[in-house]
Protein backbone atom coordinates (compact mmCIF):
# COMPACT_ATOMS: atom_id res chain seq x y z
CA UNK A 1 -37.21 17.84 44.38
CA UNK A 2 -33.84 16.13 44.64
CA UNK A 3 -31.37 17.02 47.56
CA UNK A 4 -27.92 17.69 47.25
CA UNK A 5 -27.19 14.75 48.68
CA UNK A 6 -29.32 13.02 46.35
CA UNK A 7 -27.37 15.12 43.31
CA UNK A 8 -24.48 14.34 45.05
CA UNK A 9 -24.63 10.26 45.12
CA UNK A 10 -25.86 10.45 41.59
CA UNK A 11 -22.42 12.36 40.93
CA UNK A 12 -20.27 9.81 41.68
CA UNK A 13 -22.36 7.06 40.27
CA UNK A 14 -21.64 8.67 37.20
CA UNK A 15 -17.92 9.39 37.75
CA UNK A 16 -17.95 5.26 39.27
CA UNK A 17 -19.55 4.16 35.76
CA UNK A 18 -16.87 6.71 33.88
CA UNK A 19 -13.99 4.87 36.02
CA UNK A 20 -15.04 0.98 35.23
CA UNK A 21 -15.92 2.65 31.38
CA UNK A 22 -11.91 3.71 30.83
CA UNK A 23 -10.51 0.47 33.20
CA UNK A 24 -12.57 -1.75 30.67
CA UNK A 25 -11.50 -0.19 28.06
CA UNK A 26 -7.99 -0.18 28.60
CA UNK A 27 -8.32 -3.67 29.44
CA UNK A 28 -9.11 -4.46 26.15
CA UNK A 29 -6.55 -2.38 24.58
CA UNK A 30 -4.17 -5.31 26.54
CA UNK A 31 -5.74 -7.99 25.93
CA UNK A 32 -4.90 -6.65 22.26
CA UNK A 33 -1.84 -7.86 20.03
CA UNK A 34 0.80 -4.77 19.92
CA UNK A 35 1.22 -2.41 16.61
CA UNK A 36 4.40 -5.09 15.13
CA UNK A 37 7.80 -2.99 15.59
CA UNK A 38 8.07 -0.46 12.98
CA UNK A 39 11.24 -1.94 11.96
CA UNK A 40 9.52 -5.02 10.41
CA UNK A 41 6.80 -3.46 8.47
CA UNK A 42 8.58 -1.24 6.74
CA UNK A 43 11.93 -4.28 6.17
CA UNK A 44 8.43 -6.32 4.76
CA UNK A 45 7.00 -3.70 2.71
CA UNK A 46 10.79 -2.79 1.75
CA UNK A 47 11.11 -6.65 0.13
CA UNK A 48 7.57 -6.16 -1.23
CA UNK A 49 8.52 -3.30 -3.21
CA UNK A 50 11.97 -4.90 -4.27
CA UNK A 51 10.20 -8.19 -5.57
CA UNK A 52 7.48 -6.04 -7.73
CA UNK A 53 10.34 -3.83 -8.85
CA UNK A 54 12.45 -7.41 -10.06
CA UNK A 55 9.24 -8.82 -11.13
CA UNK A 56 8.68 -5.84 -13.34
CA UNK A 57 12.48 -5.44 -15.29
CA UNK A 58 12.72 -9.45 -15.50
CA UNK A 59 8.87 -9.44 -17.25
CA UNK A 60 7.80 -11.96 -14.98
CA UNK A 61 4.37 -12.39 -15.00
CA UNK A 62 3.95 -14.38 -12.15
CA UNK A 63 6.38 -12.80 -10.01
CA UNK A 64 4.06 -9.35 -11.05
CA UNK A 65 1.08 -11.61 -9.35
CA UNK A 66 2.36 -12.93 -6.63
CA UNK A 67 2.81 -9.07 -5.23
CA UNK A 68 -0.80 -8.34 -5.85
CA UNK A 69 -3.83 -8.84 -4.06
CA UNK A 70 -6.51 -11.19 -5.07
CA UNK A 71 -9.40 -9.97 -3.63
CA UNK A 72 -12.44 -7.93 -5.67
CA UNK A 73 -11.74 -5.13 -3.11
CA UNK A 74 -8.33 -4.38 -5.28
CA UNK A 75 -7.53 -1.38 -7.38
CA UNK A 76 -5.02 0.30 -9.07
CA UNK A 77 -6.03 4.27 -10.86
CA UNK A 78 -3.64 5.53 -12.84
CA UNK A 79 -3.88 9.26 -12.88
CA UNK A 80 -7.32 9.94 -11.22
CA UNK A 81 -8.72 7.13 -13.18
CA UNK A 82 -9.59 3.19 -12.55
CA UNK A 83 -7.54 1.82 -14.95
CA UNK A 84 -7.21 -1.83 -13.26
CA UNK A 85 -9.90 -3.81 -11.09
CA UNK A 86 -7.94 -6.69 -10.63
CA UNK A 87 -4.41 -8.14 -10.87
CA UNK A 88 -5.28 -10.22 -13.81
CA UNK A 89 -5.88 -6.65 -15.23
CA UNK A 90 -2.65 -5.85 -14.34
CA UNK A 91 -0.99 -9.04 -15.67
CA UNK A 92 -2.81 -9.05 -18.61
CA UNK A 93 -1.48 -5.41 -19.59
CA UNK A 94 1.83 -5.90 -18.80
CA UNK A 95 1.73 -8.89 -21.13
CA UNK A 96 1.14 -7.47 -23.92
CA UNK A 97 3.70 -5.17 -24.35
CA UNK A 98 6.23 -6.70 -27.07
CA UNK A 99 8.54 -9.29 -25.94
CA UNK A 100 11.70 -7.17 -27.21
CA UNK A 101 10.89 -4.58 -24.83
CA UNK A 102 12.79 -4.20 -21.46
CA UNK A 103 11.94 -2.12 -18.40
CA UNK A 104 14.31 -0.46 -16.06
CA UNK A 105 12.20 0.87 -13.24
CA UNK A 106 13.30 2.91 -10.17
CA UNK A 107 11.82 3.47 -7.10
CA UNK A 108 13.23 5.94 -4.62
CA UNK A 109 12.20 8.37 -1.24
CA UNK A 110 10.17 5.94 0.02
CA UNK A 111 8.09 6.56 2.90
CA UNK A 112 6.41 3.43 4.20
CA UNK A 113 4.05 4.36 7.30
CA UNK A 114 2.68 1.63 8.92
CA UNK A 115 -1.21 1.52 9.95
CA UNK A 116 -1.54 -1.60 11.96
CA UNK A 117 0.72 -4.55 12.76
CA UNK A 118 -0.44 -5.65 8.97
CA UNK A 119 -0.95 -2.72 7.15
CA UNK A 120 0.65 -0.12 5.50
CA UNK A 121 0.61 2.94 3.65
CA UNK A 122 3.66 4.25 0.82
CA UNK A 123 4.45 6.75 -0.98
CA UNK A 124 7.36 6.99 -3.45
CA UNK A 125 8.24 8.07 -6.31
CA UNK A 126 8.82 6.50 -9.74
CA UNK A 127 11.01 6.40 -12.87
CA UNK A 128 10.54 4.04 -15.74
CA UNK A 129 12.74 3.41 -18.76
CA UNK A 130 11.23 1.45 -22.21
CA UNK A 131 14.28 -0.18 -24.66
CA UNK A 132 14.17 -1.84 -27.50
CA UNK A 133 16.92 -3.02 -28.70
CA UNK A 134 19.28 -0.37 -26.74
CA UNK A 135 17.02 2.47 -28.13
CA UNK A 136 15.47 4.97 -25.42
CA UNK A 137 11.67 4.51 -26.74
CA UNK A 138 10.08 5.67 -23.91
CA UNK A 139 10.69 7.15 -20.35
CA UNK A 140 8.23 8.38 -17.50
CA UNK A 141 8.06 9.52 -14.03
CA UNK A 142 5.71 9.51 -11.47
CA UNK A 143 4.49 8.81 -7.70
CA UNK A 144 2.38 5.84 -6.91
CA UNK A 145 0.58 6.11 -3.70
CA UNK A 146 -0.88 2.79 -2.20
CA UNK A 147 -2.28 0.29 0.84
CA UNK A 148 -0.53 -3.03 1.52
CA UNK A 149 -1.83 -5.77 3.70
CA UNK A 150 -0.06 -8.92 4.89
CA UNK A 151 -2.78 -11.54 4.36
CA UNK A 152 -1.89 -15.36 4.51
CA UNK A 153 0.47 -15.47 1.82
CA UNK A 154 2.13 -12.52 3.00
CA UNK A 155 2.17 -8.53 2.30
CA UNK A 156 1.41 -7.52 -0.98
CA UNK A 157 -0.29 -4.57 -2.71
CA UNK A 158 -4.46 -4.28 -2.21
CA UNK A 159 -4.84 -0.62 -3.85
CA UNK A 160 -2.19 1.41 -5.49
CA UNK A 161 -2.62 4.94 -7.62
CA UNK A 162 0.23 5.87 -9.86
CA UNK A 163 0.59 9.64 -11.60
CA UNK A 164 2.63 10.42 -13.76
CA UNK A 165 4.36 13.13 -13.52
CA UNK A 166 7.07 13.81 -17.24
CA UNK A 167 6.11 11.68 -20.03
CA UNK A 168 9.00 11.40 -22.72
CA UNK A 169 9.04 9.91 -25.78
CA UNK A 170 12.53 10.22 -27.54
CA UNK A 171 12.78 11.84 -30.55
CA UNK A 172 12.53 9.91 -33.46
CA UNK A 173 15.82 8.60 -35.22
């Protein structure tokens, strides 16, 4: 049978162990790098989005490729379905559009949420206009959710989901 003094001693040992674990956890946390300033992440991811927009509008296939991650985890979903499983899939699809088409891509309501020093979640609204010889042939809006990460080459898009909210094609003529 255990005495009250024995139970008190066991309680003290457990309390000391909990304090030791807590203090050890705090020490480990201090050794980890601090989360980068949110403004720096915001600026870097905004720059990534600007490069994506410029490359898309300029029909710059190398520029489009440069903003997309180059690993087997990359995926871009459209309207809930996996559409592109690699950056090369996106570049091939984009290259298949006739050269005579011009694109205008507007990004708005951009929200960048840092996840860590090297990752951020982004959601934004988009509008795209496709023209041929100055005539609008297609126009649509949507939303995009994406995961961006910084690797050795800089910030890149690693996963995205886009949903079209109002596809419109002008009337013929």
